[in-house]
Amino acid sequence: MSNTKVWYITGASKGMGLSLANQLLAKGHKVAATSRSIGAFGQLASYGDLVLPLQVDLKSEESIAESVKKTIAHFGALDVVINNAGYGLGGALEELTAEEINENFEVNFFAVVRVVQQALPHLRQKRSGHIINISSIAGFAPGVGWSMYCAAKFAVSGLTEALANDLKPLGIKVTNVLPGWFRTNFAKADSIAYNQHQIDDYAYLREYHQKMNSMDGAQLGDPDKIADAFLELVNSESPAVNLFLGSDSFNRAKSKIEQLNLEMDSWKTVSISTDF
């Protein structure tokens, strides 16, 4: 039990977050599990004092600050922060309203910023800890029909890589996790939003949305195996800054890198033509 840690997980009431919390608690770790509704944590009650259910509004700096304070007061420490909460947004850029765009960035990106800001004073003081931000393979190799979701996840990936550089001298490790498709509820209506305004010229995008919906229950990723991957990550002396999770994510990233290399070689002459 000496190697157990205190984990703070956002979006822990369903999907990947819930699977992760369950597996970590079963292994004896301590988990502060956050959600918009504290009533969603009934199935974690059997773990007793190992779990701290927290109702948190991720759009509120005060709510997040209070939850971090309660975590440290309850467990006496905070070791690993996992920014997992998020939701998909389908639709062409031209179809999306400012409200839809802003809400998606609030939850998928700015919530990450707020949580990290509130956790850093504690991690910085003890010169240790690990921040794991859940991006998406779409935040590296975007698909079709998810422009703003991809943009938000690209932002998460960029922030995470920059933080890994900034926080390394303080002993704080940072990892950007880019999952592929896992067999969770992410493809269901409560985790996916679609544009309300539709333009006929973008009807072809609906085919890609339907394809994703049809994958529900047939995804390659097993969410109950994520905890072991994360434990290997946080116990490593040299953890990955970017971890592609799932064979589909890994292979899609490899294809993107090959494509990028070919494009760079093709345009090398133009790239270097602007030098003095």
Protein backbone atom coordinates (compact mmCIF):
# COMPACT_ATOMS: atom_id res chain seq x y z
CA MET A 1 0.00 0.00 0.00
CA SER A 2 3.03 2.27 0.39
CA ASN A 3 3.08 2.97 -3.33
CA THR A 4 -0.54 4.09 -3.48
CA LYS A 5 -1.31 7.64 -4.59
CA VAL A 6 -4.02 10.24 -4.31
CA TRP A 7 -5.74 10.81 -7.66
CA TYR A 8 -8.00 13.73 -8.58
CA ILE A 9 -10.16 12.79 -11.59
CA THR A 10 -12.59 15.05 -13.43
CA GLY A 11 -15.57 13.56 -15.22
CA ALA A 12 -15.38 10.45 -13.03
CA SER A 13 -19.08 9.56 -12.96
CA LYS A 14 -19.17 7.79 -16.33
CA GLY A 15 -17.12 6.48 -19.23
CA MET A 16 -13.35 6.44 -19.07
CA GLY A 17 -13.26 8.42 -15.83
CA LEU A 18 -15.54 5.98 -14.00
CA SER A 19 -13.64 2.92 -15.23
CA LEU A 20 -10.38 4.52 -14.17
CA ALA A 21 -11.71 5.43 -10.71
CA ASN A 22 -13.09 1.92 -10.16
CA GLN A 23 -9.86 0.21 -11.16
CA LEU A 24 -7.65 2.51 -9.08
CA LEU A 25 -9.85 2.14 -6.00
CA ALA A 26 -9.85 -1.65 -6.40
CA LYS A 27 -6.04 -1.51 -6.32
CA GLY A 28 -6.09 0.46 -3.05
CA HIS A 29 -5.45 3.95 -4.40
CA LYS A 30 -7.29 7.01 -3.10
CA VAL A 31 -9.51 8.89 -5.52
CA ALA A 32 -11.17 12.30 -5.44
CA ALA A 33 -13.89 11.75 -8.05
CA THR A 34 -15.55 14.83 -9.51
CA SER A 35 -18.76 15.25 -11.45
CA ARG A 36 -21.47 17.83 -12.04
CA SER A 37 -23.76 15.73 -9.83
CA ILE A 38 -22.57 14.01 -6.65
CA GLY A 39 -25.50 11.63 -6.92
CA ALA A 40 -23.78 9.91 -9.84
CA PHE A 41 -21.24 8.18 -7.57
CA GLY A 42 -23.48 5.59 -5.91
CA GLN A 43 -21.52 2.65 -7.29
CA LEU A 44 -18.26 3.93 -5.74
CA ALA A 45 -19.69 4.08 -2.20
CA SER A 46 -18.42 0.58 -1.35
CA TYR A 47 -14.84 1.88 -1.31
CA GLY A 48 -15.49 3.89 1.83
CA ASP A 49 -12.87 6.45 2.80
CA LEU A 50 -10.72 5.61 -0.23
CA VAL A 51 -13.07 7.67 -2.40
CA LEU A 52 -14.08 11.31 -2.03
CA PRO A 53 -17.06 12.15 -4.27
CA LEU A 54 -17.06 15.83 -5.21
CA GLN A 55 -19.69 17.90 -7.00
CA VAL A 56 -17.71 20.35 -9.11
CA ASP A 57 -18.62 22.97 -11.68
CA LEU A 58 -15.65 22.90 -14.04
CA LYS A 59 -16.63 26.31 -15.39
CA SER A 60 -16.17 27.82 -11.92
CA GLU A 61 -12.69 28.60 -10.59
CA GLU A 62 -14.11 28.80 -7.06
CA SER A 63 -15.76 25.37 -7.31
CA ILE A 64 -12.55 23.76 -8.56
CA ALA A 65 -10.44 25.50 -5.91
CA GLU A 66 -12.77 24.24 -3.17
CA SER A 67 -12.64 20.67 -4.52
CA VAL A 68 -8.82 20.65 -4.55
CA LYS A 69 -8.81 22.05 -1.01
CA LYS A 70 -11.22 19.30 0.13
CA THR A 71 -9.09 16.63 -1.56
CA ILE A 72 -5.94 17.66 0.30
CA ALA A 73 -7.82 18.07 3.58
CA HIS A 74 -9.40 14.60 3.26
CA PHE A 75 -6.38 12.63 2.03
CA GLY A 76 -3.51 14.82 3.22
CA ALA A 77 -1.98 14.95 -0.26
CA LEU A 78 -2.53 15.20 -3.99
CA ASP A 79 -0.32 13.19 -6.33
CA VAL A 80 -1.96 12.76 -9.72
CA VAL A 81 -4.38 15.11 -11.50
CA ILE A 82 -6.36 13.66 -14.40
CA ASN A 83 -8.29 16.08 -16.58
CA ASN A 84 -10.73 13.67 -18.17
CA ALA A 85 -14.03 15.57 -18.44
CA GLY A 86 -15.13 16.54 -21.92
CA TYR A 87 -17.64 15.99 -24.69
CA GLY A 88 -17.69 15.82 -28.48
CA LEU A 89 -19.16 18.47 -30.75
CA GLY A 90 -20.05 17.57 -34.32
CA GLY A 91 -20.76 19.99 -37.13
CA ALA A 92 -19.13 22.19 -39.73
CA LEU A 93 -17.57 25.40 -38.47
CA GLU A 94 -20.03 27.49 -40.49
CA GLU A 95 -22.95 25.70 -38.88
CA LEU A 96 -21.88 26.15 -35.26
CA THR A 97 -23.04 29.06 -33.13
CA ALA A 98 -20.76 31.10 -30.89
CA GLU A 99 -22.54 29.59 -27.89
CA GLU A 100 -21.89 26.02 -29.05
CA ILE A 101 -18.24 26.79 -29.73
CA ASN A 102 -17.66 28.61 -26.45
CA GLU A 103 -19.32 25.88 -24.39
CA ASN A 104 -17.18 23.19 -26.00
CA PHE A 105 -13.97 25.11 -25.28
CA GLU A 106 -15.15 25.87 -21.73
CA VAL A 107 -15.47 22.18 -20.88
CA ASN A 108 -12.79 20.62 -23.09
CA PHE A 109 -10.04 23.23 -22.70
CA PHE A 110 -10.59 26.00 -20.16
CA ALA A 111 -11.66 23.51 -17.48
CA VAL A 112 -8.24 21.88 -17.90
CA VAL A 113 -6.58 25.26 -17.44
CA ARG A 114 -8.56 25.96 -14.27
CA VAL A 115 -7.89 22.57 -12.68
CA VAL A 116 -4.15 22.74 -13.39
CA GLN A 117 -3.95 26.28 -12.02
CA GLN A 118 -5.62 25.22 -8.77
CA ALA A 119 -3.54 22.04 -8.35
CA LEU A 120 -0.15 23.59 -9.13
CA PRO A 121 0.46 25.44 -5.84
CA HIS A 122 0.30 22.12 -3.96
CA LEU A 123 2.35 20.17 -6.51
CA ARG A 124 4.88 22.98 -6.77
CA GLN A 125 5.31 23.17 -3.02
CA LYS A 126 6.14 19.48 -2.71
CA ARG A 127 8.17 19.42 -5.96
CA SER A 128 6.44 16.30 -7.27
CA GLY A 129 3.25 15.05 -8.85
CA HIS A 130 1.90 14.14 -12.26
CA ILE A 131 -0.63 15.96 -14.41
CA ILE A 132 -2.37 13.83 -17.04
CA ASN A 133 -4.53 15.67 -19.55
CA ILE A 134 -6.84 13.56 -21.69
CA SER A 135 -6.79 14.95 -25.21
CA SER A 136 -7.81 12.72 -28.13
CA ILE A 137 -6.27 11.26 -31.25
CA ALA A 138 -8.46 13.93 -32.88
CA GLY A 139 -6.16 16.44 -31.18
CA PHE A 140 -3.30 15.17 -33.34
CA ALA A 141 -4.86 13.63 -36.43
CA PRO A 142 -8.31 15.22 -36.90
CA GLY A 143 -11.20 13.38 -38.44
CA VAL A 144 -14.01 14.80 -40.59
CA GLY A 145 -16.98 16.67 -39.17
CA TRP A 146 -15.57 17.58 -35.75
CA SER A 147 -13.66 20.79 -36.43
CA MET A 148 -14.25 22.58 -33.11
CA TYR A 149 -13.85 19.45 -30.99
CA CYS A 150 -10.55 18.79 -32.76
CA ALA A 151 -9.51 22.41 -32.20
CA ALA A 152 -10.24 22.16 -28.46
CA LYS A 153 -8.28 18.93 -28.18
CA PHE A 154 -5.38 20.40 -30.18
CA ALA A 155 -5.39 23.20 -27.60
CA VAL A 156 -5.23 20.65 -24.76
CA SER A 157 -2.33 18.86 -26.47
CA GLY A 158 -0.44 22.08 -27.06
CA LEU A 159 -0.94 23.28 -23.49
CA THR A 160 0.15 19.92 -22.10
CA GLU A 161 3.39 19.77 -24.10
CA ALA A 162 4.23 23.33 -23.07
CA LEU A 163 3.51 22.53 -19.41
CA ALA A 164 5.77 19.48 -19.61
CA ASN A 165 8.63 21.84 -20.53
CA ASP A 166 7.73 24.52 -17.97
CA LEU A 167 7.17 22.24 -14.98
CA LYS A 168 9.99 19.71 -15.43
CA PRO A 169 12.48 21.82 -13.38
CA LEU A 170 9.95 21.76 -10.49
CA GLY A 171 9.77 17.96 -10.45
CA ILE A 172 6.23 17.89 -11.82
CA LYS A 173 5.60 15.45 -14.67
CA VAL A 174 3.02 16.15 -17.37
CA THR A 175 1.56 13.78 -19.95
CA ASN A 176 -0.76 14.32 -22.89
CA VAL A 177 -2.91 11.21 -23.40
CA LEU A 178 -4.48 10.80 -26.84
CA PRO A 179 -7.00 7.94 -26.74
CA GLY A 180 -8.59 6.26 -29.68
CA TRP A 181 -12.04 4.69 -29.40
CA PHE A 182 -12.81 3.00 -26.10
CA ARG A 183 -15.93 1.01 -25.29
CA THR A 184 -17.50 3.66 -23.06
CA ASN A 185 -20.57 5.85 -23.38
CA PHE A 186 -18.68 8.51 -25.38
CA ALA A 187 -20.63 7.69 -28.54
CA LYS A 188 -23.94 8.14 -26.72
CA ALA A 189 -26.11 11.26 -26.65
CA ASP A 190 -24.99 12.40 -23.19
CA SER A 191 -21.37 12.70 -24.36
CA ILE A 192 -21.88 14.05 -27.88
CA ALA A 193 -23.50 17.28 -29.04
CA TYR A 194 -24.32 18.20 -32.62
CA ASN A 195 -24.90 21.52 -34.32
CA GLN A 196 -28.50 22.72 -34.12
CA HIS A 197 -28.29 24.73 -37.35
CA GLN A 198 -27.65 22.62 -40.45
CA ILE A 199 -26.63 23.71 -43.94
CA ASP A 200 -27.51 21.41 -46.83
CA ASP A 201 -24.07 21.70 -48.44
CA TYR A 202 -22.56 20.00 -45.38
CA ALA A 203 -24.96 17.05 -45.44
CA TYR A 204 -22.02 14.74 -46.20
CA LEU A 205 -20.66 15.37 -42.69
CA ARG A 206 -23.71 13.66 -41.21
CA GLU A 207 -22.45 10.41 -42.75
CA TYR A 208 -19.29 10.66 -40.63
CA HIS A 209 -21.37 11.39 -37.53
CA GLN A 210 -23.54 8.35 -38.21
CA LYS A 211 -20.45 6.20 -38.70
CA MET A 212 -19.24 7.14 -35.25
CA ASN A 213 -22.63 6.41 -33.71
CA SER A 214 -22.67 2.99 -35.34
CA MET A 215 -19.36 2.11 -33.64
CA ASP A 216 -20.98 2.19 -30.19
CA GLY A 217 -20.29 -1.13 -28.48
CA ALA A 218 -17.71 -2.21 -31.05
CA GLN A 219 -14.79 0.05 -30.12
CA LEU A 220 -11.38 -1.60 -29.81
CA GLY A 221 -10.38 -0.04 -26.48
CA ASP A 222 -11.06 -1.70 -23.12
CA PRO A 223 -11.58 1.09 -20.53
CA ASP A 224 -10.77 -1.29 -17.66
CA LYS A 225 -7.18 -1.53 -18.91
CA ILE A 226 -6.53 2.21 -18.72
CA ALA A 227 -5.66 2.22 -15.02
CA ASP A 228 -2.75 -0.19 -15.51
CA ALA A 229 -1.42 1.97 -18.35
CA PHE A 230 -1.65 5.07 -16.16
CA LEU A 231 0.03 3.34 -13.23
CA GLU A 232 2.94 2.40 -15.48
CA LEU A 233 3.03 6.01 -16.63
CA VAL A 234 3.09 7.65 -13.18
CA ASN A 235 5.60 5.13 -11.80
CA SER A 236 8.04 5.73 -14.65
CA GLU A 237 11.14 7.85 -14.13
CA SER A 238 10.79 9.04 -17.73
CA PRO A 239 7.06 9.06 -18.55
CA ALA A 240 5.86 9.79 -22.06
CA VAL A 241 4.93 13.39 -22.79
CA ASN A 242 2.55 12.09 -25.47
CA LEU A 243 0.90 8.73 -24.95
CA PHE A 244 -1.26 7.40 -27.79
CA LEU A 245 -3.72 5.05 -26.11
CA GLY A 246 -5.14 2.17 -28.13
CA SER A 247 -3.90 0.51 -31.30
CA ASP A 248 -6.27 2.62 -33.42
CA SER A 249 -4.82 5.83 -31.95
CA PHE A 250 -1.25 4.57 -32.31
CA ASN A 251 -1.71 3.57 -35.96
CA ARG A 252 -3.56 6.78 -36.84
CA ALA A 253 -0.74 8.82 -35.30
CA LYS A 254 1.86 6.85 -37.24
CA SER A 255 0.01 7.54 -40.50
CA LYS A 256 -0.22 11.25 -39.67
CA ILE A 257 3.53 11.42 -38.96
CA GLU A 258 4.35 9.64 -42.23
CA GLN A 259 2.05 12.03 -44.12
CA LEU A 260 3.66 15.02 -42.41
CA ASN A 261 7.17 13.83 -43.24
CA LEU A 262 6.24 13.39 -46.91
CA GLU A 263 4.66 16.83 -47.05
CA MET A 264 7.66 18.46 -45.39
CA ASP A 265 10.05 16.82 -47.83
CA SER A 266 7.88 17.84 -50.76
CA TRP A 267 7.80 21.48 -49.66
CA LYS A 268 11.33 21.69 -48.23
CA THR A 269 12.58 24.03 -50.94
CA VAL A 270 9.82 26.52 -50.23
CA SER A 271 10.25 26.15 -46.45
CA ILE A 272 13.92 27.12 -46.52
CA SER A 273 13.55 29.70 -49.30
CA THR A 274 12.61 32.42 -46.80
CA ASP A 275 15.98 32.38 -45.01
CA PHE A 276 18.49 35.22 -45.53
